[in-house]
Amino acid sequence: VNPNTSHGVTDKIQSAANEVAMGKDRFTTRSAAFGPELIVTSADAEFAAKGVVETVKSHSEPCDGVILASFGDTGAREVGQLRPDIPVIGIASAAFSVVRSLAGPFGIVTFGENLVPGLHKKAIEAGLSENLMLISAVKSHEIGDPGTVQVRFKDEIQALCADMEGRGAQSIVLGGGPLAGLATRLRGCVQVPIIDGTQAAVSILRALVAPTASPTD
């Protein structure tokens, strides 16, 4: 579920998930039923969470888990209560799980300065404040269409990743659902891992729902 209502972002999330699909993986990606086009403030997140719940309620087909593809893990508590029978994973939690496994200092790169406080809050909640070196953002408060930010700001984001590596970061998180899939196109630009929260969430969900192998398998 894309907790933002931008259909362009939803398409990017679907593509990012498909890039790492394996075996019988099948992804159904939907925008929140209602809410802001881009979640920036806590009020945005509260409104968006209600739209996320409605989207999950309206999905009548069976599913093995839910990925919440905004970096606020928007609606995680509410969807977890609604669907306690399946894993519910937010992309921030997934990205920070990868950071924790890699250890060492890391940085976050995002596409708007007004997103920095929320990203910093999520890193603190994840218990990674001591490892977080810096959050770097494209110098623009005019984000425009969220569905096109990774195309319009690709060069700036690439430069910020290179700078982050130069400062000593041992991994880099791309902060924000609209950046889903961009890490794949940036990984050759730096030598340290660039973490895509959506793709990390797919890997974690796959591990959680994979059938237990028998001793003879």
C-alpha atoms as a PDB file:
ATOM      1  CA  VAL A   1       0.000   0.000   0.000  1.00  0.00           C
ATOM      2  CA  ASN A   2       1.257   3.455  -0.930  1.00  0.00           C
ATOM      3  CA  PRO A   3       0.049   5.632   1.970  1.00  0.00           C
ATOM      4  CA  ASN A   4       0.431   8.647  -0.309  1.00  0.00           C
ATOM      5  CA  THR A   5      -2.307   9.063  -2.906  1.00  0.00           C
ATOM      6  CA  SER A   6       0.069   9.818  -5.798  1.00  0.00           C
ATOM      7  CA  HIS A   7      -0.555   7.181  -8.454  1.00  0.00           C
ATOM      8  CA  GLY A   8       2.823   7.995 -10.003  1.00  0.00           C
ATOM      9  CA  VAL A   9       4.491   6.981  -6.736  1.00  0.00           C
ATOM     10  CA  THR A  10       2.358   3.843  -6.580  1.00  0.00           C
ATOM     11  CA  ASP A  11       3.633   2.867 -10.026  1.00  0.00           C
ATOM     12  CA  LYS A  12       7.236   3.368  -8.862  1.00  0.00           C
ATOM     13  CA  ILE A  13       6.604   1.181  -5.812  1.00  0.00           C
ATOM     14  CA  GLN A  14       5.102  -1.577  -7.955  1.00  0.00           C
ATOM     15  CA  SER A  15       8.085  -1.460 -10.332  1.00  0.00           C
ATOM     16  CA  ALA A  16      10.581  -1.524  -7.454  1.00  0.00           C
ATOM     17  CA  ALA A  17       8.898  -4.601  -5.992  1.00  0.00           C
ATOM     18  CA  ASN A  18       8.784  -6.336  -9.368  1.00  0.00           C
ATOM     19  CA  GLU A  19      12.526  -5.744  -9.826  1.00  0.00           C
ATOM     20  CA  VAL A  20      13.271  -8.034  -6.894  1.00  0.00           C
ATOM     21  CA  ALA A  21      10.468 -10.561  -7.451  1.00  0.00           C
ATOM     22  CA  MET A  22      11.409 -14.210  -7.088  1.00  0.00           C
ATOM     23  CA  GLY A  23       9.608 -17.481  -7.643  1.00  0.00           C
ATOM     24  CA  LYS A  24       5.898 -17.120  -7.014  1.00  0.00           C
ATOM     25  CA  ASP A  25       6.036 -13.556  -5.679  1.00  0.00           C
ATOM     26  CA  ARG A  26       3.008 -11.536  -6.765  1.00  0.00           C
ATOM     27  CA  PHE A  27       2.486  -7.932  -5.738  1.00  0.00           C
ATOM     28  CA  THR A  28      -0.737  -5.967  -5.750  1.00  0.00           C
ATOM     29  CA  THR A  29       0.007  -2.286  -5.147  1.00  0.00           C
ATOM     30  CA  ARG A  30      -2.648   0.285  -4.295  1.00  0.00           C
ATOM     31  CA  SER A  31      -2.680   3.941  -3.304  1.00  0.00           C
ATOM     32  CA  ALA A  32      -4.367   4.958  -0.073  1.00  0.00           C
ATOM     33  CA  ALA A  33      -8.107   5.348  -0.548  1.00  0.00           C
ATOM     34  CA  PHE A  34      -7.823   9.017   0.415  1.00  0.00           C
ATOM     35  CA  GLY A  35      -5.328  11.382   1.990  1.00  0.00           C
ATOM     36  CA  PRO A  36      -2.472  13.679   0.958  1.00  0.00           C
ATOM     37  CA  GLU A  37      -0.565  13.228  -2.289  1.00  0.00           C
ATOM     38  CA  LEU A  38       2.632  13.331  -0.231  1.00  0.00           C
ATOM     39  CA  ILE A  39       2.916  12.818   3.543  1.00  0.00           C
ATOM     40  CA  VAL A  40       5.032  15.545   5.127  1.00  0.00           C
ATOM     41  CA  THR A  41       3.521  16.517   8.491  1.00  0.00           C
ATOM     42  CA  SER A  42       2.178  14.490  11.416  1.00  0.00           C
ATOM     43  CA  ALA A  43      -1.321  15.695  10.483  1.00  0.00           C
ATOM     44  CA  ASP A  44      -0.758  14.320   6.967  1.00  0.00           C
ATOM     45  CA  ALA A  45       0.271  10.980   8.458  1.00  0.00           C
ATOM     46  CA  GLU A  46      -2.762  10.769  10.724  1.00  0.00           C
ATOM     47  CA  PHE A  47      -5.116  11.441   7.811  1.00  0.00           C
ATOM     48  CA  ALA A  48      -3.223   9.073   5.506  1.00  0.00           C
ATOM     49  CA  ALA A  49      -3.366   6.228   8.039  1.00  0.00           C
ATOM     50  CA  LYS A  50      -7.162   6.279   7.796  1.00  0.00           C
ATOM     51  CA  GLY A  51      -6.929   6.013   4.010  1.00  0.00           C
ATOM     52  CA  VAL A  52      -4.491   3.114   4.327  1.00  0.00           C
ATOM     53  CA  VAL A  53      -6.894   1.225   6.585  1.00  0.00           C
ATOM     54  CA  GLU A  54      -9.709   1.673   4.083  1.00  0.00           C
ATOM     55  CA  THR A  55      -7.489   0.387   1.295  1.00  0.00           C
ATOM     56  CA  VAL A  56      -6.585  -2.731   3.258  1.00  0.00           C
ATOM     57  CA  LYS A  57     -10.226  -3.294   4.207  1.00  0.00           C
ATOM     58  CA  SER A  58     -11.272  -3.093   0.555  1.00  0.00           C
ATOM     59  CA  HIS A  59      -8.781  -5.733  -0.591  1.00  0.00           C
ATOM     60  CA  SER A  60     -10.860  -8.896  -0.638  1.00  0.00           C
ATOM     61  CA  GLU A  61      -8.302 -11.255  -2.227  1.00  0.00           C
ATOM     62  CA  PRO A  62      -6.045 -13.395  -0.027  1.00  0.00           C
ATOM     63  CA  CYS A  63      -2.605 -11.992   0.733  1.00  0.00           C
ATOM     64  CA  ASP A  64       0.390 -13.172   2.734  1.00  0.00           C
ATOM     65  CA  GLY A  65       1.435  -9.784   4.069  1.00  0.00           C
ATOM     66  CA  VAL A  66       1.193  -6.021   3.745  1.00  0.00           C
ATOM     67  CA  ILE A  67       4.005  -3.591   2.965  1.00  0.00           C
ATOM     68  CA  LEU A  68       3.382   0.047   3.866  1.00  0.00           C
ATOM     69  CA  ALA A  69       5.489   1.983   1.390  1.00  0.00           C
ATOM     70  CA  SER A  70       5.950   5.361   3.023  1.00  0.00           C
ATOM     71  CA  PHE A  71       8.918   6.182   5.195  1.00  0.00           C
ATOM     72  CA  GLY A  72       6.710   6.990   8.133  1.00  0.00           C
ATOM     73  CA  ASP A  73       5.482   3.364   8.168  1.00  0.00           C
ATOM     74  CA  THR A  74       2.137   5.136   7.995  1.00  0.00           C
ATOM     75  CA  GLY A  75      -0.753   3.077   9.314  1.00  0.00           C
ATOM     76  CA  ALA A  76       1.421   0.228  10.645  1.00  0.00           C
ATOM     77  CA  ARG A  77      -0.262   0.108  14.047  1.00  0.00           C
ATOM     78  CA  GLU A  78      -3.776   0.361  12.620  1.00  0.00           C
ATOM     79  CA  VAL A  79      -3.221  -2.210   9.874  1.00  0.00           C
ATOM     80  CA  GLY A  80      -1.523  -4.540  12.356  1.00  0.00           C
ATOM     81  CA  GLN A  81      -4.654  -4.425  14.487  1.00  0.00           C
ATOM     82  CA  LEU A  82      -6.859  -4.960  11.443  1.00  0.00           C
ATOM     83  CA  ARG A  83      -4.805  -7.865  10.079  1.00  0.00           C
ATOM     84  CA  PRO A  84      -3.071  -9.580  13.033  1.00  0.00           C
ATOM     85  CA  ASP A  85      -2.967 -12.786  10.983  1.00  0.00           C
ATOM     86  CA  ILE A  86      -0.278 -11.592   8.548  1.00  0.00           C
ATOM     87  CA  PRO A  87       2.995  -9.620   8.698  1.00  0.00           C
ATOM     88  CA  VAL A  88       2.704  -5.842   8.269  1.00  0.00           C
ATOM     89  CA  ILE A  89       6.004  -4.195   7.349  1.00  0.00           C
ATOM     90  CA  GLY A  90       6.842  -0.517   6.865  1.00  0.00           C
ATOM     91  CA  ILE A  91       9.637   0.471   4.523  1.00  0.00           C
ATOM     92  CA  ALA A  92      11.436   2.563   7.151  1.00  0.00           C
ATOM     93  CA  SER A  93      11.536  -0.384   9.547  1.00  0.00           C
ATOM     94  CA  ALA A  94      12.790  -2.588   6.717  1.00  0.00           C
ATOM     95  CA  ALA A  95      15.499  -0.154   5.624  1.00  0.00           C
ATOM     96  CA  PHE A  96      16.719   0.337   9.167  1.00  0.00           C
ATOM     97  CA  SER A  97      16.821  -3.428   9.692  1.00  0.00           C
ATOM     98  CA  VAL A  98      19.297  -3.613   6.819  1.00  0.00           C
ATOM     99  CA  VAL A  99      21.307  -0.711   8.262  1.00  0.00           C
ATOM    100  CA  ARG A 100      21.466  -2.493  11.599  1.00  0.00           C
ATOM    101  CA  SER A 101      22.719  -5.700   9.979  1.00  0.00           C
ATOM    102  CA  LEU A 102      25.445  -3.820   8.097  1.00  0.00           C
ATOM    103  CA  ALA A 103      26.513  -1.878  11.210  1.00  0.00           C
ATOM    104  CA  GLY A 104      28.672   1.219  11.099  1.00  0.00           C
ATOM    105  CA  PRO A 105      27.785   4.842  10.344  1.00  0.00           C
ATOM    106  CA  PHE A 106      25.100   5.538   7.773  1.00  0.00           C
ATOM    107  CA  GLY A 107      23.404   8.470   6.118  1.00  0.00           C
ATOM    108  CA  ILE A 108      19.971   9.218   4.706  1.00  0.00           C
ATOM    109  CA  VAL A 109      19.405  11.003   1.398  1.00  0.00           C
ATOM    110  CA  THR A 110      16.015  12.433   0.499  1.00  0.00           C
ATOM    111  CA  PHE A 111      14.357  14.719  -2.010  1.00  0.00           C
ATOM    112  CA  GLY A 112      12.991  17.571   0.118  1.00  0.00           C
ATOM    113  CA  GLU A 113      14.260  19.552   3.103  1.00  0.00           C
ATOM    114  CA  ASN A 114      10.832  19.498   4.756  1.00  0.00           C
ATOM    115  CA  LEU A 115      11.062  15.687   4.984  1.00  0.00           C
ATOM    116  CA  VAL A 116      14.199  15.728   7.143  1.00  0.00           C
ATOM    117  CA  PRO A 117      12.531  16.049  10.593  1.00  0.00           C
ATOM    118  CA  GLY A 118      10.284  13.061   9.964  1.00  0.00           C
ATOM    119  CA  LEU A 119      13.190  10.930   8.725  1.00  0.00           C
ATOM    120  CA  HIS A 120      15.259  11.882  11.749  1.00  0.00           C
ATOM    121  CA  LYS A 121      12.395  10.890  14.038  1.00  0.00           C
ATOM    122  CA  LYS A 122      12.147   7.440  12.411  1.00  0.00           C
ATOM    123  CA  ALA A 123      15.902   6.869  12.824  1.00  0.00           C
ATOM    124  CA  ILE A 124      15.622   7.738  16.521  1.00  0.00           C
ATOM    125  CA  GLU A 125      12.636   5.394  16.913  1.00  0.00           C
ATOM    126  CA  ALA A 126      14.727   2.641  15.329  1.00  0.00           C
ATOM    127  CA  GLY A 127      17.454   3.191  17.913  1.00  0.00           C
ATOM    128  CA  LEU A 128      19.978   4.276  15.294  1.00  0.00           C
ATOM    129  CA  SER A 129      20.590   7.887  16.268  1.00  0.00           C
ATOM    130  CA  GLU A 130      24.198   7.182  17.280  1.00  0.00           C
ATOM    131  CA  ASN A 131      24.967   5.606  13.896  1.00  0.00           C
ATOM    132  CA  LEU A 132      23.211   8.281  11.836  1.00  0.00           C
ATOM    133  CA  MET A 133      25.828  10.643  10.445  1.00  0.00           C
ATOM    134  CA  LEU A 134      23.683  13.017   8.468  1.00  0.00           C
ATOM    135  CA  ILE A 135      20.433  13.465   6.570  1.00  0.00           C
ATOM    136  CA  SER A 136      21.036  15.208   3.254  1.00  0.00           C
ATOM    137  CA  ALA A 137      18.200  16.619   1.161  1.00  0.00           C
ATOM    138  CA  VAL A 138      17.813  18.206  -2.227  1.00  0.00           C
ATOM    139  CA  LYS A 139      17.693  21.972  -1.617  1.00  0.00           C
ATOM    140  CA  SER A 140      14.091  22.504  -2.606  1.00  0.00           C
ATOM    141  CA  HIS A 141      10.867  23.117  -0.702  1.00  0.00           C
ATOM    142  CA  GLU A 142       8.942  22.939  -3.989  1.00  0.00           C
ATOM    143  CA  ILE A 143       8.788  19.192  -4.425  1.00  0.00           C
ATOM    144  CA  GLY A 144       6.150  19.233  -7.174  1.00  0.00           C
ATOM    145  CA  ASP A 145       4.744  15.950  -8.461  1.00  0.00           C
ATOM    146  CA  PRO A 146       5.940  13.210  -6.061  1.00  0.00           C
ATOM    147  CA  GLY A 147       5.703  10.682  -8.872  1.00  0.00           C
ATOM    148  CA  THR A 148       8.509  12.356 -10.815  1.00  0.00           C
ATOM    149  CA  VAL A 149      10.954  13.430  -8.084  1.00  0.00           C
ATOM    150  CA  GLN A 150      13.370  10.580  -8.668  1.00  0.00           C
ATOM    151  CA  VAL A 151      13.645  11.557 -12.326  1.00  0.00           C
ATOM    152  CA  ARG A 152      13.835  15.323 -11.800  1.00  0.00           C
ATOM    153  CA  PHE A 153      16.240  15.160  -8.845  1.00  0.00           C
ATOM    154  CA  LYS A 154      18.305  12.118  -9.846  1.00  0.00           C
ATOM    155  CA  ASP A 155      21.537  14.091 -10.415  1.00  0.00           C
ATOM    156  CA  GLU A 156      21.190  15.946  -7.105  1.00  0.00           C
ATOM    157  CA  ILE A 157      20.437  12.727  -5.203  1.00  0.00           C
ATOM    158  CA  GLN A 158      23.391  11.000  -6.843  1.00  0.00           C
ATOM    159  CA  ALA A 159      25.679  13.865  -5.799  1.00  0.00           C
ATOM    160  CA  LEU A 160      24.361  13.712  -2.230  1.00  0.00           C
ATOM    161  CA  CYS A 161      25.050   9.958  -2.102  1.00  0.00           C
ATOM    162  CA  ALA A 162      28.616  10.518  -3.321  1.00  0.00           C
ATOM    163  CA  ASP A 163      29.097  13.217  -0.688  1.00  0.00           C
ATOM    164  CA  MET A 164      27.709  10.932   1.995  1.00  0.00           C
ATOM    165  CA  GLU A 165      30.158   8.202   1.016  1.00  0.00           C
ATOM    166  CA  GLY A 166      32.968  10.739   1.082  1.00  0.00           C
ATOM    167  CA  ARG A 167      32.043  11.671   4.646  1.00  0.00           C
ATOM    168  CA  GLY A 168      32.506   8.070   5.721  1.00  0.00           C
ATOM    169  CA  ALA A 169      29.033   6.550   5.531  1.00  0.00           C
ATOM    170  CA  GLN A 170      29.167   2.774   5.223  1.00  0.00           C
ATOM    171  CA  SER A 171      25.593   2.589   3.911  1.00  0.00           C
ATOM    172  CA  ILE A 172      23.039   5.048   2.555  1.00  0.00           C
ATOM    173  CA  VAL A 173      19.269   4.930   2.920  1.00  0.00           C
ATOM    174  CA  LEU A 174      17.068   6.595   0.312  1.00  0.00           C
ATOM    175  CA  GLY A 175      14.375   8.255   2.405  1.00  0.00           C
ATOM    176  CA  GLY A 176      10.855   8.384   1.014  1.00  0.00           C
ATOM    177  CA  GLY A 177       8.404   6.155  -0.833  1.00  0.00           C
ATOM    178  CA  PRO A 178       8.700   8.248  -4.034  1.00  0.00           C
ATOM    179  CA  LEU A 179      12.336   7.092  -4.339  1.00  0.00           C
ATOM    180  CA  ALA A 180      11.345   3.414  -4.638  1.00  0.00           C
ATOM    181  CA  GLY A 181      13.509   1.734  -7.263  1.00  0.00           C
ATOM    182  CA  LEU A 182      16.040   4.552  -7.593  1.00  0.00           C
ATOM    183  CA  ALA A 183      18.714   2.746  -5.574  1.00  0.00           C
ATOM    184  CA  THR A 184      19.140   0.228  -8.388  1.00  0.00           C
ATOM    185  CA  ARG A 185      20.119   3.026 -10.764  1.00  0.00           C
ATOM    186  CA  LEU A 186      22.500   4.675  -8.299  1.00  0.00           C
ATOM    187  CA  ARG A 187      24.434   1.698  -6.966  1.00  0.00           C
ATOM    188  CA  GLY A 188      27.224   2.001  -9.524  1.00  0.00           C
ATOM    189  CA  CYS A 189      27.827   5.608  -8.503  1.00  0.00           C
ATOM    190  CA  VAL A 190      29.150   4.786  -5.009  1.00  0.00           C
ATOM    191  CA  GLN A 191      30.926   1.826  -3.465  1.00  0.00           C
ATOM    192  CA  VAL A 192      28.774   1.513  -0.341  1.00  0.00           C
ATOM    193  CA  PRO A 193      25.300  -0.116  -0.214  1.00  0.00           C
ATOM    194  CA  ILE A 194      22.340   2.108  -1.116  1.00  0.00           C
ATOM    195  CA  ILE A 195      19.242   0.782   0.621  1.00  0.00           C
ATOM    196  CA  ASP A 196      15.794   0.827  -0.961  1.00  0.00           C
ATOM    197  CA  GLY A 197      13.169   0.469   1.774  1.00  0.00           C
ATOM    198  CA  THR A 198      10.542  -1.025  -0.525  1.00  0.00           C
ATOM    199  CA  GLN A 199      12.859  -3.711  -1.820  1.00  0.00           C
ATOM    200  CA  ALA A 200      14.172  -4.406   1.675  1.00  0.00           C
ATOM    201  CA  ALA A 201      10.578  -4.883   2.864  1.00  0.00           C
ATOM    202  CA  VAL A 202       9.917  -7.348   0.049  1.00  0.00           C
ATOM    203  CA  SER A 203      12.928  -9.442   1.106  1.00  0.00           C
ATOM    204  CA  ILE A 204      11.878  -9.429   4.749  1.00  0.00           C
ATOM    205  CA  LEU A 205       8.272 -10.303   3.932  1.00  0.00           C
ATOM    206  CA  ARG A 206       9.384 -13.139   1.668  1.00  0.00           C
ATOM    207  CA  ALA A 207      11.481 -14.607   4.480  1.00  0.00           C
ATOM    208  CA  LEU A 208       8.585 -14.340   6.931  1.00  0.00           C
ATOM    209  CA  VAL A 209       6.013 -16.046   4.735  1.00  0.00           C
ATOM    210  CA  ALA A 210       8.222 -18.667   3.056  1.00  0.00           C
ATOM    211  CA  PRO A 211       7.039 -22.206   3.862  1.00  0.00           C
ATOM    212  CA  THR A 212       9.262 -24.088   6.250  1.00  0.00           C
ATOM    213  CA  ALA A 213      11.408 -26.540   4.316  1.00  0.00           C
ATOM    214  CA  SER A 214      11.274 -30.178   5.286  1.00  0.00           C
ATOM    215  CA  PRO A 215      14.526 -31.918   6.361  1.00  0.00           C
ATOM    216  CA  THR A 216      14.660 -33.711   2.989  1.00  0.00           C
ATOM    217  CA  ASP A 217      14.333 -30.537   0.890  1.00  0.00           C
END
